[in-house]
Amino acid sequence: MSLEKLFNDYINAGIYLKGWSPKTAIVYRRAFSSFQQSVPEVMSIPTKAQLETWVVSRRKAGVTPAGINIYIRAMNALCSWLKEEGHASENIRLKQIRVPQTQLVIFSERQVQAILAVKPKRFTLIRLSALPEKLVAVTRRVEQAWTRSRTQGGNAASEVGRRARSRQS
């Protein structure tokens, strides 16, 4: 049986027996189409080497690691289904690619001061401007409690909680 026929059976089983949403089927079809374009000689059950060749071709094509991981999950699911249905002798699983952490861009001290220096005139903007001021105040209190607890060997969370309870009473 051809891989394309097996894939169509897999999609139908997912939609009608497992209750997949139509969007899930679309993502799985895109992954399979990408696999077919990258490794056109595959006619039957894919091998791990063919799947790895496909991943390399996607990386060379400039697909992001997160995008490739979506495709890898889709193809891993297909390979699991092939094993469950008895079409494959072993379950082939690809490891996902490590996605690099992106650093959040934070405000400089000068930018924070500029934001806090704005004095709005309208009531709604006054309420809105209170939010960053409160956030800065809470952050400073947490940082102070954290620093104090680290120097005294205590627990920062219990210190913050103790201070919050003392303010409420």
N, C-alpha and C. Protein backbone atom coordinates (compact mmCIF):
# COMPACT_ATOMS: atom_id res chain seq x y z
N MET A 1 0.85 -1.18 0.00
CA MET A 1 0.00 0.00 0.00
C MET A 1 0.90 1.24 0.00
N SER A 2 0.52 2.23 -0.79
CA SER A 2 1.37 3.42 -0.91
C SER A 2 1.26 4.30 0.34
N LEU A 3 2.30 5.05 0.56
CA LEU A 3 2.33 5.94 1.73
C LEU A 3 1.23 6.99 1.64
N GLU A 4 0.96 7.48 0.45
CA GLU A 4 -0.09 8.49 0.30
C GLU A 4 -1.47 7.93 0.67
N LYS A 5 -1.74 6.69 0.29
CA LYS A 5 -3.01 6.04 0.64
C LYS A 5 -3.10 5.85 2.15
N LEU A 6 -2.00 5.39 2.76
CA LEU A 6 -1.96 5.22 4.22
C LEU A 6 -2.17 6.56 4.92
N PHE A 7 -1.56 7.61 4.38
CA PHE A 7 -1.72 8.93 4.99
C PHE A 7 -3.18 9.38 4.93
N ASN A 8 -3.83 9.18 3.81
CA ASN A 8 -5.25 9.55 3.70
C ASN A 8 -6.11 8.75 4.68
N ASP A 9 -5.80 7.46 4.86
CA ASP A 9 -6.50 6.65 5.86
C ASP A 9 -6.27 7.22 7.26
N TYR A 10 -5.05 7.64 7.52
CA TYR A 10 -4.69 8.23 8.83
C TYR A 10 -5.48 9.51 9.09
N ILE A 11 -5.56 10.37 8.08
CA ILE A 11 -6.30 11.62 8.23
C ILE A 11 -7.79 11.32 8.46
N ASN A 12 -8.35 10.40 7.70
CA ASN A 12 -9.76 10.05 7.88
C ASN A 12 -10.02 9.47 9.26
N ALA A 13 -9.12 8.61 9.73
CA ALA A 13 -9.26 8.04 11.07
C ALA A 13 -9.20 9.15 12.13
N GLY A 14 -8.30 10.09 11.92
CA GLY A 14 -8.19 11.19 12.89
C GLY A 14 -9.43 12.06 12.92
N ILE A 15 -9.94 12.40 11.76
CA ILE A 15 -11.11 13.28 11.70
C ILE A 15 -12.36 12.57 12.20
N TYR A 16 -12.61 11.35 11.71
CA TYR A 16 -13.87 10.68 12.00
C TYR A 16 -13.86 9.81 13.25
N LEU A 17 -12.71 9.28 13.62
CA LEU A 17 -12.67 8.40 14.79
C LEU A 17 -12.10 9.07 16.03
N LYS A 18 -11.16 9.99 15.83
CA LYS A 18 -10.54 10.64 16.99
C LYS A 18 -11.08 12.05 17.24
N GLY A 19 -11.86 12.57 16.30
CA GLY A 19 -12.48 13.87 16.51
C GLY A 19 -11.55 15.06 16.33
N TRP A 20 -10.58 14.94 15.42
CA TRP A 20 -9.69 16.06 15.16
C TRP A 20 -10.48 17.24 14.61
N SER A 21 -9.97 18.42 14.85
CA SER A 21 -10.55 19.60 14.21
C SER A 21 -10.01 19.66 12.77
N PRO A 22 -10.72 20.36 11.90
CA PRO A 22 -10.23 20.48 10.53
C PRO A 22 -8.84 21.13 10.45
N LYS A 23 -8.53 22.01 11.39
CA LYS A 23 -7.22 22.67 11.38
C LYS A 23 -6.09 21.68 11.67
N THR A 24 -6.36 20.69 12.51
CA THR A 24 -5.35 19.67 12.79
C THR A 24 -5.02 18.91 11.51
N ALA A 25 -6.05 18.55 10.77
CA ALA A 25 -5.84 17.82 9.51
C ALA A 25 -5.05 18.68 8.53
N ILE A 26 -5.31 19.98 8.51
CA ILE A 26 -4.58 20.88 7.60
C ILE A 26 -3.09 20.89 7.95
N VAL A 27 -2.78 21.00 9.24
CA VAL A 27 -1.37 21.02 9.66
C VAL A 27 -0.69 19.70 9.30
N TYR A 28 -1.37 18.58 9.53
CA TYR A 28 -0.79 17.28 9.22
C TYR A 28 -0.59 17.13 7.70
N ARG A 29 -1.53 17.63 6.92
CA ARG A 29 -1.37 17.56 5.46
C ARG A 29 -0.19 18.41 4.99
N ARG A 30 -0.02 19.58 5.60
CA ARG A 30 1.12 20.43 5.24
C ARG A 30 2.44 19.74 5.57
N ALA A 31 2.50 19.10 6.72
CA ALA A 31 3.73 18.40 7.11
C ALA A 31 4.01 17.27 6.13
N PHE A 32 2.98 16.50 5.78
CA PHE A 32 3.17 15.38 4.86
C PHE A 32 3.56 15.87 3.47
N SER A 33 2.94 16.94 3.02
CA SER A 33 3.27 17.51 1.72
C SER A 33 4.73 17.99 1.70
N SER A 34 5.15 18.62 2.78
CA SER A 34 6.54 19.06 2.90
C SER A 34 7.49 17.87 2.84
N PHE A 35 7.11 16.80 3.53
CA PHE A 35 7.92 15.59 3.52
C PHE A 35 8.02 15.01 2.11
N GLN A 36 6.89 14.95 1.41
CA GLN A 36 6.88 14.40 0.05
C GLN A 36 7.74 15.23 -0.91
N GLN A 37 7.68 16.55 -0.76
CA GLN A 37 8.47 17.42 -1.64
C GLN A 37 9.96 17.29 -1.37
N SER A 38 10.32 17.13 -0.10
CA SER A 38 11.74 17.06 0.27
C SER A 38 12.35 15.70 -0.02
N VAL A 39 11.56 14.64 0.15
CA VAL A 39 12.05 13.28 -0.05
C VAL A 39 11.08 12.57 -0.99
N PRO A 40 11.14 12.88 -2.29
CA PRO A 40 10.14 12.35 -3.23
C PRO A 40 10.24 10.84 -3.50
N GLU A 41 11.40 10.22 -3.19
CA GLU A 41 11.57 8.81 -3.51
C GLU A 41 10.85 7.87 -2.54
N VAL A 42 10.24 8.39 -1.46
CA VAL A 42 9.58 7.55 -0.47
C VAL A 42 8.23 7.09 -1.02
N MET A 43 8.07 5.79 -1.16
CA MET A 43 6.82 5.24 -1.66
C MET A 43 6.10 4.43 -0.58
N SER A 44 6.86 3.89 0.38
CA SER A 44 6.25 3.10 1.44
C SER A 44 6.56 3.74 2.78
N ILE A 45 6.67 2.96 3.81
CA ILE A 45 6.88 3.46 5.16
C ILE A 45 8.20 4.24 5.22
N PRO A 46 8.18 5.47 5.74
CA PRO A 46 9.41 6.26 5.80
C PRO A 46 10.39 5.70 6.83
N THR A 47 11.66 5.86 6.54
CA THR A 47 12.70 5.44 7.48
C THR A 47 13.16 6.65 8.29
N LYS A 48 13.88 6.38 9.35
CA LYS A 48 14.39 7.47 10.18
C LYS A 48 15.36 8.34 9.39
N ALA A 49 16.17 7.74 8.54
CA ALA A 49 17.13 8.49 7.72
C ALA A 49 16.39 9.43 6.77
N GLN A 50 15.30 8.96 6.18
CA GLN A 50 14.52 9.82 5.28
C GLN A 50 13.88 10.98 6.04
N LEU A 51 13.38 10.69 7.24
CA LEU A 51 12.79 11.76 8.04
C LEU A 51 13.84 12.79 8.45
N GLU A 52 15.03 12.32 8.79
CA GLU A 52 16.10 13.24 9.17
C GLU A 52 16.56 14.07 7.96
N THR A 53 16.59 13.46 6.79
CA THR A 53 16.91 14.20 5.56
C THR A 53 15.89 15.30 5.33
N TRP A 54 14.64 14.98 5.58
CA TRP A 54 13.56 15.95 5.45
C TRP A 54 13.75 17.12 6.41
N VAL A 55 14.09 16.83 7.67
CA VAL A 55 14.30 17.89 8.65
C VAL A 55 15.46 18.79 8.22
N VAL A 56 16.53 18.20 7.74
CA VAL A 56 17.68 18.98 7.28
C VAL A 56 17.27 19.88 6.12
N SER A 57 16.48 19.34 5.20
CA SER A 57 16.05 20.15 4.05
C SER A 57 15.16 21.31 4.49
N ARG A 58 14.36 21.11 5.50
CA ARG A 58 13.51 22.20 6.02
C ARG A 58 14.38 23.27 6.67
N ARG A 59 15.42 22.84 7.40
CA ARG A 59 16.33 23.81 8.02
C ARG A 59 17.03 24.64 6.95
N LYS A 60 17.50 23.96 5.89
CA LYS A 60 18.18 24.66 4.80
C LYS A 60 17.23 25.59 4.06
N ALA A 61 15.94 25.25 4.05
CA ALA A 61 14.95 26.10 3.38
C ALA A 61 14.59 27.32 4.21
N GLY A 62 15.11 27.38 5.44
CA GLY A 62 14.88 28.57 6.26
C GLY A 62 13.65 28.51 7.15
N VAL A 63 13.07 27.33 7.32
CA VAL A 63 11.93 27.18 8.22
C VAL A 63 12.43 27.32 9.65
N THR A 64 11.69 28.01 10.48
CA THR A 64 12.11 28.23 11.87
C THR A 64 12.10 26.91 12.64
N PRO A 65 12.89 26.80 13.70
CA PRO A 65 12.87 25.58 14.51
C PRO A 65 11.48 25.27 15.08
N ALA A 66 10.76 26.30 15.48
CA ALA A 66 9.41 26.07 16.01
C ALA A 66 8.49 25.51 14.93
N GLY A 67 8.61 26.01 13.71
CA GLY A 67 7.81 25.51 12.61
C GLY A 67 8.16 24.07 12.27
N ILE A 68 9.45 23.76 12.29
CA ILE A 68 9.88 22.38 12.03
C ILE A 68 9.37 21.46 13.12
N ASN A 69 9.37 21.92 14.36
CA ASN A 69 8.88 21.08 15.46
C ASN A 69 7.41 20.73 15.29
N ILE A 70 6.62 21.64 14.75
CA ILE A 70 5.21 21.34 14.49
C ILE A 70 5.12 20.20 13.47
N TYR A 71 5.93 20.29 12.43
CA TYR A 71 5.94 19.24 11.41
C TYR A 71 6.46 17.92 11.99
N ILE A 72 7.48 17.98 12.83
CA ILE A 72 8.03 16.76 13.44
C ILE A 72 6.96 16.07 14.28
N ARG A 73 6.21 16.85 15.07
CA ARG A 73 5.14 16.25 15.88
C ARG A 73 4.10 15.57 14.99
N ALA A 74 3.78 16.21 13.87
CA ALA A 74 2.80 15.63 12.95
C ALA A 74 3.32 14.32 12.36
N MET A 75 4.57 14.30 11.94
CA MET A 75 5.12 13.08 11.34
C MET A 75 5.34 11.99 12.39
N ASN A 76 5.69 12.38 13.63
CA ASN A 76 5.79 11.39 14.71
C ASN A 76 4.44 10.73 14.96
N ALA A 77 3.38 11.54 14.92
CA ALA A 77 2.04 10.99 15.11
C ALA A 77 1.69 10.01 13.99
N LEU A 78 2.04 10.37 12.76
CA LEU A 78 1.79 9.47 11.63
C LEU A 78 2.56 8.16 11.81
N CYS A 79 3.82 8.24 12.20
CA CYS A 79 4.63 7.03 12.39
C CYS A 79 4.06 6.16 13.52
N SER A 80 3.57 6.79 14.58
CA SER A 80 2.94 6.03 15.67
C SER A 80 1.70 5.30 15.18
N TRP A 81 0.90 5.99 14.37
CA TRP A 81 -0.31 5.38 13.82
C TRP A 81 0.04 4.21 12.91
N LEU A 82 1.08 4.38 12.08
CA LEU A 82 1.51 3.29 11.20
C LEU A 82 1.91 2.06 12.01
N LYS A 83 2.58 2.26 13.14
CA LYS A 83 2.97 1.15 14.01
C LYS A 83 1.74 0.51 14.64
N GLU A 84 0.82 1.34 15.17
CA GLU A 84 -0.40 0.83 15.80
C GLU A 84 -1.23 -0.01 14.84
N GLU A 85 -1.30 0.43 13.60
CA GLU A 85 -2.12 -0.26 12.60
C GLU A 85 -1.41 -1.45 11.96
N GLY A 86 -0.16 -1.68 12.33
CA GLY A 86 0.57 -2.84 11.82
C GLY A 86 1.23 -2.62 10.47
N HIS A 87 1.30 -1.39 10.00
CA HIS A 87 1.94 -1.12 8.72
C HIS A 87 3.45 -0.96 8.85
N ALA A 88 3.92 -0.67 10.06
CA ALA A 88 5.35 -0.49 10.31
C ALA A 88 5.78 -1.45 11.42
N SER A 89 6.99 -1.94 11.32
CA SER A 89 7.48 -2.89 12.33
C SER A 89 8.00 -2.17 13.58
N GLU A 90 8.42 -0.93 13.42
CA GLU A 90 8.92 -0.17 14.57
C GLU A 90 8.36 1.25 14.54
N ASN A 91 8.29 1.84 15.71
CA ASN A 91 7.79 3.21 15.83
C ASN A 91 8.98 4.16 15.70
N ILE A 92 8.98 4.93 14.64
CA ILE A 92 10.06 5.89 14.41
C ILE A 92 9.67 7.22 15.03
N ARG A 93 10.54 7.76 15.86
CA ARG A 93 10.29 9.05 16.50
C ARG A 93 11.48 9.95 16.29
N LEU A 94 11.20 11.15 15.80
CA LEU A 94 12.25 12.16 15.67
C LEU A 94 12.24 13.04 16.90
N LYS A 95 13.41 13.43 17.34
CA LYS A 95 13.49 14.39 18.44
C LYS A 95 13.25 15.78 17.88
N GLN A 96 12.61 16.61 18.68
CA GLN A 96 12.37 17.97 18.24
C GLN A 96 13.65 18.78 18.31
N ILE A 97 13.67 19.83 17.52
CA ILE A 97 14.83 20.72 17.46
C ILE A 97 14.75 21.69 18.64
N ARG A 98 15.89 21.96 19.22
CA ARG A 98 15.93 22.93 20.32
C ARG A 98 15.65 24.32 19.76
N VAL A 99 14.66 24.99 20.35
CA VAL A 99 14.30 26.34 19.93
C VAL A 99 15.07 27.33 20.81
N PRO A 100 15.85 28.22 20.21
CA PRO A 100 16.62 29.16 21.04
C PRO A 100 15.70 30.11 21.80
N GLN A 101 16.10 30.40 23.02
CA GLN A 101 15.34 31.33 23.85
C GLN A 101 15.54 32.74 23.32
N THR A 102 14.47 33.50 23.24
CA THR A 102 14.59 34.88 22.80
C THR A 102 14.61 35.78 24.04
N GLN A 103 15.50 36.72 24.03
CA GLN A 103 15.61 37.64 25.14
C GLN A 103 14.56 38.74 24.99
N LEU A 104 13.84 39.00 26.06
CA LEU A 104 12.87 40.08 26.05
C LEU A 104 13.61 41.41 26.10
N VAL A 105 13.12 42.36 25.32
CA VAL A 105 13.70 43.70 25.35
C VAL A 105 13.07 44.43 26.52
N ILE A 106 13.91 44.91 27.43
CA ILE A 106 13.39 45.60 28.60
C ILE A 106 13.69 47.09 28.48
N PHE A 107 12.98 47.85 29.28
CA PHE A 107 13.18 49.29 29.28
C PHE A 107 14.42 49.63 30.10
N SER A 108 15.10 50.68 29.69
CA SER A 108 16.22 51.18 30.48
C SER A 108 15.64 51.98 31.65
N GLU A 109 16.50 52.28 32.59
CA GLU A 109 16.07 53.06 33.76
C GLU A 109 15.53 54.42 33.32
N ARG A 110 16.16 55.01 32.32
CA ARG A 110 15.72 56.32 31.82
C ARG A 110 14.33 56.23 31.18
N GLN A 111 14.08 55.17 30.43
CA GLN A 111 12.77 55.00 29.81
C GLN A 111 11.69 54.78 30.85
N VAL A 112 12.00 54.01 31.89
CA VAL A 112 11.02 53.78 32.96
C VAL A 112 10.71 55.09 33.66
N GLN A 113 11.72 55.90 33.94
CA GLN A 113 11.50 57.19 34.58
C GLN A 113 10.64 58.10 33.71
N ALA A 114 10.86 58.07 32.38
CA ALA A 114 10.07 58.88 31.46
C ALA A 114 8.60 58.45 31.48
N ILE A 115 8.36 57.14 31.53
CA ILE A 115 6.99 56.64 31.58
C ILE A 115 6.32 57.05 32.88
N LEU A 116 7.05 56.93 33.97
CA LEU A 116 6.47 57.27 35.28
C LEU A 116 6.31 58.78 35.47
N ALA A 117 7.04 59.58 34.72
CA ALA A 117 6.97 61.03 34.86
C ALA A 117 5.73 61.63 34.20
N VAL A 118 5.09 60.89 33.32
CA VAL A 118 3.90 61.40 32.63
C VAL A 118 2.78 61.60 33.64
N LYS A 119 2.18 62.79 33.64
CA LYS A 119 1.08 63.10 34.55
C LYS A 119 -0.18 63.34 33.70
N PRO A 120 -1.03 62.34 33.58
CA PRO A 120 -2.22 62.48 32.74
C PRO A 120 -3.25 63.43 33.35
N LYS A 121 -4.11 63.96 32.49
CA LYS A 121 -5.13 64.92 32.91
C LYS A 121 -6.51 64.26 33.04
N ARG A 122 -6.85 63.33 32.14
CA ARG A 122 -8.17 62.71 32.17
C ARG A 122 -8.22 61.59 33.20
N PHE A 123 -9.42 61.36 33.75
CA PHE A 123 -9.59 60.38 34.82
C PHE A 123 -9.21 58.98 34.38
N THR A 124 -9.64 58.58 33.18
CA THR A 124 -9.32 57.22 32.73
C THR A 124 -7.82 57.03 32.56
N LEU A 125 -7.13 58.06 32.10
CA LEU A 125 -5.68 57.95 31.95
C LEU A 125 -4.97 57.97 33.30
N ILE A 126 -5.56 58.67 34.27
CA ILE A 126 -5.00 58.68 35.62
C ILE A 126 -5.05 57.27 36.19
N ARG A 127 -6.20 56.60 36.01
CA ARG A 127 -6.33 55.21 36.49
C ARG A 127 -5.34 54.30 35.78
N LEU A 128 -5.21 54.51 34.49
CA LEU A 128 -4.30 53.68 33.71
C LEU A 128 -2.84 53.90 34.12
N SER A 129 -2.48 55.13 34.43
CA SER A 129 -1.09 55.42 34.81
C SER A 129 -0.75 54.86 36.19
N ALA A 130 -1.77 54.58 37.01
CA ALA A 130 -1.52 54.01 38.33
C ALA A 130 -0.99 52.59 38.23
N LEU A 131 -1.33 51.89 37.15
CA LEU A 131 -0.91 50.50 36.99
C LEU A 131 0.61 50.34 36.92
N PRO A 132 1.32 51.07 36.03
CA PRO A 132 2.78 50.90 36.02
C PRO A 132 3.44 51.35 37.32
N GLU A 133 2.87 52.40 37.97
CA GLU A 133 3.45 52.86 39.23
C GLU A 133 3.33 51.77 40.29
N LYS A 134 2.17 51.11 40.34
CA LYS A 134 1.97 50.04 41.31
C LYS A 134 2.88 48.85 41.00
N LEU A 135 3.03 48.55 39.72
CA LEU A 135 3.89 47.45 39.31
C LEU A 135 5.34 47.70 39.72
N VAL A 136 5.81 48.92 39.52
CA VAL A 136 7.19 49.26 39.92
C VAL A 136 7.34 49.15 41.43
N ALA A 137 6.34 49.63 42.18
CA ALA A 137 6.42 49.57 43.64
C ALA A 137 6.44 48.12 44.14
N VAL A 138 5.60 47.30 43.58
CA VAL A 138 5.56 45.89 43.99
C VAL A 138 6.86 45.19 43.63
N THR A 139 7.38 45.47 42.44
CA THR A 139 8.64 44.87 42.01
C THR A 139 9.77 45.25 42.95
N ARG A 140 9.80 46.50 43.36
CA ARG A 140 10.85 46.94 44.30
C ARG A 140 10.73 46.22 45.64
N ARG A 141 9.48 46.07 46.13
CA ARG A 141 9.28 45.38 47.42
C ARG A 141 9.70 43.92 47.33
N VAL A 142 9.36 43.27 46.24
CA VAL A 142 9.75 41.88 46.07
C VAL A 142 11.26 41.76 45.98
N GLU A 143 11.89 42.67 45.24
CA GLU A 143 13.34 42.64 45.12
C GLU A 143 14.01 42.87 46.48
N GLN A 144 13.47 43.79 47.27
CA GLN A 144 14.02 44.04 48.60
C GLN A 144 13.88 42.81 49.48
N ALA A 145 12.71 42.20 49.45
CA ALA A 145 12.48 41.01 50.27
C ALA A 145 13.39 39.87 49.81
N TRP A 146 13.57 39.73 48.53
CA TRP A 146 14.43 38.69 47.99
C TRP A 146 15.87 38.89 48.43
N THR A 147 16.33 40.13 48.32
CA THR A 147 17.70 40.44 48.72
C THR A 147 17.88 40.21 50.22
N ARG A 148 16.92 40.69 51.02
CA ARG A 148 17.01 40.54 52.46
C ARG A 148 17.01 39.06 52.85
N SER A 149 16.15 38.27 52.22
CA SER A 149 16.06 36.86 52.60
C SER A 149 17.31 36.10 52.17
N ARG A 150 17.90 36.47 51.05
CA ARG A 150 19.12 35.79 50.59
C ARG A 150 20.29 36.10 51.52
N THR A 151 20.35 37.34 52.01
CA THR A 151 21.46 37.70 52.90
C THR A 151 21.25 37.10 54.29
N GLN A 152 19.99 36.90 54.67
CA GLN A 152 19.71 36.35 56.00
C GLN A 152 19.45 34.85 55.96
N GLY A 153 19.47 34.25 54.76
CA GLY A 153 19.29 32.80 54.65
C GLY A 153 17.84 32.36 54.76
N GLY A 154 16.89 33.25 54.54
CA GLY A 154 15.48 32.87 54.65
C GLY A 154 14.86 32.57 53.31
N ASN A 155 13.52 32.53 53.32
CA ASN A 155 12.76 32.24 52.12
C ASN A 155 12.10 33.53 51.63
N ALA A 156 12.36 33.94 50.41
CA ALA A 156 11.84 35.19 49.87
C ALA A 156 10.33 35.18 49.79
N ALA A 157 9.73 34.05 49.42
CA ALA A 157 8.28 33.97 49.28
C ALA A 157 7.60 34.17 50.62
N SER A 158 8.14 33.56 51.68
CA SER A 158 7.52 33.73 53.00
C SER A 158 7.70 35.16 53.49
N GLU A 159 8.82 35.80 53.15
CA GLU A 159 9.05 37.19 53.54
C GLU A 159 8.04 38.12 52.87
N VAL A 160 7.82 37.92 51.58
CA VAL A 160 6.85 38.75 50.85
C VAL A 160 5.46 38.52 51.41
N GLY A 161 5.10 37.26 51.66
CA GLY A 161 3.78 36.94 52.22
C GLY A 161 3.59 37.55 53.59
N ARG A 162 4.63 37.51 54.44
CA ARG A 162 4.55 38.09 55.80
C ARG A 162 4.32 39.58 55.72
N ARG A 163 5.04 40.24 54.80
CA ARG A 163 4.88 41.70 54.66
C ARG A 163 3.49 42.05 54.14
N ALA A 164 2.96 41.25 53.21
CA ALA A 164 1.63 41.51 52.68
C ALA A 164 0.58 41.34 53.76
N ARG A 165 0.70 40.30 54.60
CA ARG A 165 -0.27 40.07 55.67
C ARG A 165 -0.21 41.19 56.71
N SER A 166 1.00 41.69 56.99
CA SER A 166 1.12 42.75 57.98
C SER A 166 0.51 44.05 57.46
N ARG A 167 0.52 44.29 56.16
CA ARG A 167 -0.09 45.49 55.61
C ARG A 167 -1.63 45.38 55.63
N GLN A 168 -2.18 44.18 55.50
CA GLN A 168 -3.61 44.00 55.47
C GLN A 168 -4.24 44.20 56.83
N SER A 169 -3.52 43.91 57.91
CA SER A 169 -4.11 44.02 59.25
C SER A 169 -3.93 45.39 59.85
